[in-house]
C-alpha atoms as a PDB file:
ATOM      1  CA  MET A   1      -0.994   9.678   2.467  1.00  0.00           C
ATOM      2  CA  ILE A   2      -0.638   5.835   1.402  1.00  0.00           C
ATOM      3  CA  ILE A   3       0.661   4.738  -2.178  1.00  0.00           C
ATOM      4  CA  ILE A   4      -0.339   1.277  -3.207  1.00  0.00           C
ATOM      5  CA  TYR A   5       0.990  -0.060  -6.478  1.00  0.00           C
ATOM      6  CA  GLY A   6      -0.868  -2.924  -7.735  1.00  0.00           C
ATOM      7  CA  LYS A   7      -2.496  -5.140 -10.512  1.00  0.00           C
ATOM      8  CA  SER A   8      -6.041  -5.690 -11.274  1.00  0.00           C
ATOM      9  CA  ASN A   9      -5.923  -9.678 -10.811  1.00  0.00           C
ATOM     10  CA  CYS A  10      -4.230  -9.279  -7.405  1.00  0.00           C
ATOM     11  CA  PRO A  11      -6.552 -10.182  -4.597  1.00  0.00           C
ATOM     12  CA  TRP A  12      -4.009  -8.630  -1.948  1.00  0.00           C
ATOM     13  CA  CYS A  13      -4.103  -5.614  -3.979  1.00  0.00           C
ATOM     14  CA  GLU A  14      -7.746  -5.365  -3.611  1.00  0.00           C
ATOM     15  CA  LYS A  15      -7.299  -6.315   0.168  1.00  0.00           C
ATOM     16  CA  ALA A  16      -5.130  -3.488   0.476  1.00  0.00           C
ATOM     17  CA  LYS A  17      -7.550  -1.328  -0.763  1.00  0.00           C
ATOM     18  CA  ARG A  18     -10.209  -2.070   1.226  1.00  0.00           C
ATOM     19  CA  ILE A  19      -8.389  -1.914   4.603  1.00  0.00           C
ATOM     20  CA  ALA A  20      -7.663   1.355   3.632  1.00  0.00           C
ATOM     21  CA  GLU A  21     -11.102   2.365   3.203  1.00  0.00           C
ATOM     22  CA  THR A  22     -12.490   0.696   6.308  1.00  0.00           C
ATOM     23  CA  TYR A  23     -10.024   2.614   8.196  1.00  0.00           C
ATOM     24  CA  GLN A  24     -10.798   5.988   6.096  1.00  0.00           C
ATOM     25  CA  LEU A  25      -7.181   6.180   5.190  1.00  0.00           C
ATOM     26  CA  LYS A  26      -6.210   8.216   2.299  1.00  0.00           C
ATOM     27  CA  TYR A  27      -4.515   6.394  -0.746  1.00  0.00           C
ATOM     28  CA  GLU A  28      -3.688   6.407  -3.897  1.00  0.00           C
ATOM     29  CA  TYR A  29      -3.877   3.056  -5.973  1.00  0.00           C
ATOM     30  CA  LYS A  30      -1.180   2.802  -8.958  1.00  0.00           C
ATOM     31  CA  ASN A  31      -1.734   0.201 -11.374  1.00  0.00           C
ATOM     32  CA  ALA A  32       1.553  -1.342 -11.896  1.00  0.00           C
ATOM     33  CA  GLU A  33      -0.015  -2.682 -15.410  1.00  0.00           C
ATOM     34  CA  GLU A  34       0.514   0.612 -16.644  1.00  0.00           C
ATOM     35  CA  PRO A  35       4.155   0.879 -18.576  1.00  0.00           C
ATOM     36  CA  LEU A  36       4.991   4.572 -16.710  1.00  0.00           C
ATOM     37  CA  VAL A  37       3.887   3.374 -13.479  1.00  0.00           C
ATOM     38  CA  LEU A  38       5.602   0.173 -13.617  1.00  0.00           C
ATOM     39  CA  ALA A  39       8.776   1.917 -14.512  1.00  0.00           C
ATOM     40  CA  GLU A  40       7.989   4.425 -11.464  1.00  0.00           C
ATOM     41  CA  LEU A  41       7.961   1.577  -9.143  1.00  0.00           C
ATOM     42  CA  LYS A  42      10.856  -0.349 -10.356  1.00  0.00           C
ATOM     43  CA  LEU A  43      12.727   2.893  -9.795  1.00  0.00           C
ATOM     44  CA  ALA A  44      11.109   3.401  -6.247  1.00  0.00           C
ATOM     45  CA  LYS A  45      12.015  -0.200  -5.308  1.00  0.00           C
ATOM     46  CA  PRO A  46      13.972  -2.197  -7.894  1.00  0.00           C
ATOM     47  CA  ASP A  47      13.951  -5.185  -5.727  1.00  0.00           C
ATOM     48  CA  ALA A  48      10.254  -5.667  -5.516  1.00  0.00           C
ATOM     49  CA  LYS A  49       9.407  -9.019  -6.463  1.00  0.00           C
ATOM     50  CA  SER A  50       5.711  -8.977  -5.774  1.00  0.00           C
ATOM     51  CA  ILE A  51       2.666  -6.868  -5.513  1.00  0.00           C
ATOM     52  CA  PRO A  52       1.091  -4.974  -3.629  1.00  0.00           C
ATOM     53  CA  GLN A  53       3.920  -2.495  -2.624  1.00  0.00           C
ATOM     54  CA  ILE A  54       2.904   0.100  -0.325  1.00  0.00           C
ATOM     55  CA  TRP A  55       3.929   3.444   0.898  1.00  0.00           C
ATOM     56  CA  TRP A  56       3.151   5.250   4.123  1.00  0.00           C
ATOM     57  CA  HIS A  57       3.722   9.151   4.148  1.00  0.00           C
ATOM     58  CA  GLY A  58       6.674   8.568   2.017  1.00  0.00           C
ATOM     59  CA  ARG A  59       7.951   5.668   4.155  1.00  0.00           C
ATOM     60  CA  TYR A  60       8.431   2.014   2.488  1.00  0.00           C
ATOM     61  CA  ILE A  61       5.998  -0.137   4.256  1.00  0.00           C
ATOM     62  CA  GLY A  62       6.075  -3.600   2.060  1.00  0.00           C
ATOM     63  CA  GLY A  63       3.367  -6.038   1.016  1.00  0.00           C
ATOM     64  CA  TYR A  64      -0.301  -6.164   2.595  1.00  0.00           C
ATOM     65  CA  LYS A  65       0.800  -8.413   5.720  1.00  0.00           C
ATOM     66  CA  GLU A  66       3.294  -5.325   6.529  1.00  0.00           C
ATOM     67  CA  PHE A  67       0.274  -3.021   5.726  1.00  0.00           C
ATOM     68  CA  THR A  68      -1.990  -4.685   7.949  1.00  0.00           C
ATOM     69  CA  SER A  69       0.599  -4.846  10.457  1.00  0.00           C
ATOM     70  CA  GLU A  70       1.381  -0.990  10.370  1.00  0.00           C
ATOM     71  CA  ILE A  71      -2.003  -0.116  10.831  1.00  0.00           C
ATOM     72  CA  GLU A  72      -2.343  -2.247  13.851  1.00  0.00           C
ATOM     73  CA  ASN A  73       0.526  -0.379  15.171  1.00  0.00           C
ATOM     74  CA  THR A  74      -0.674   2.755  14.251  1.00  0.00           C
ATOM     75  CA  LYS A  75      -4.019   1.829  16.116  1.00  0.00           C
ATOM     76  CA  SER A  76      -2.506   0.780  19.541  1.00  0.00           C
ATOM     77  CA  ASP A  77      -0.205   3.934  19.186  1.00  0.00           C
ATOM     78  CA  TYR A  78      -2.580   6.757  18.380  1.00  0.00           C
ATOM     79  CA  GLY A  79      -6.122   5.155  18.955  1.00  0.00           C
ATOM     80  CA  GLN A  80      -8.392   4.046  16.396  1.00  0.00           C
ATOM     81  CA  GLY A  81      -9.448   6.418  13.717  1.00  0.00           C
ATOM     82  CA  GLN A  82      -6.185   8.372  14.583  1.00  0.00           C
ATOM     83  CA  PHE A  83      -4.077   7.725  11.314  1.00  0.00           C
END
């Protein structure tokens, strides 16, 4: 499962959701505009300065750029569609 922390006015957050959908990856989007979600994010990654912030199977990935790199690495390791 992929966890994407984002905000409604963030184009990179929307792109992260779209790429997860494109590759049919299971993900949960958490709106960091909600106080409890923001507190959860700050607890998980206190030094986060930007969004989106993304975890893949419990492992912190980073932002959108790192997410797309992880997808490319996974495709080359396991073949497209084998996430």
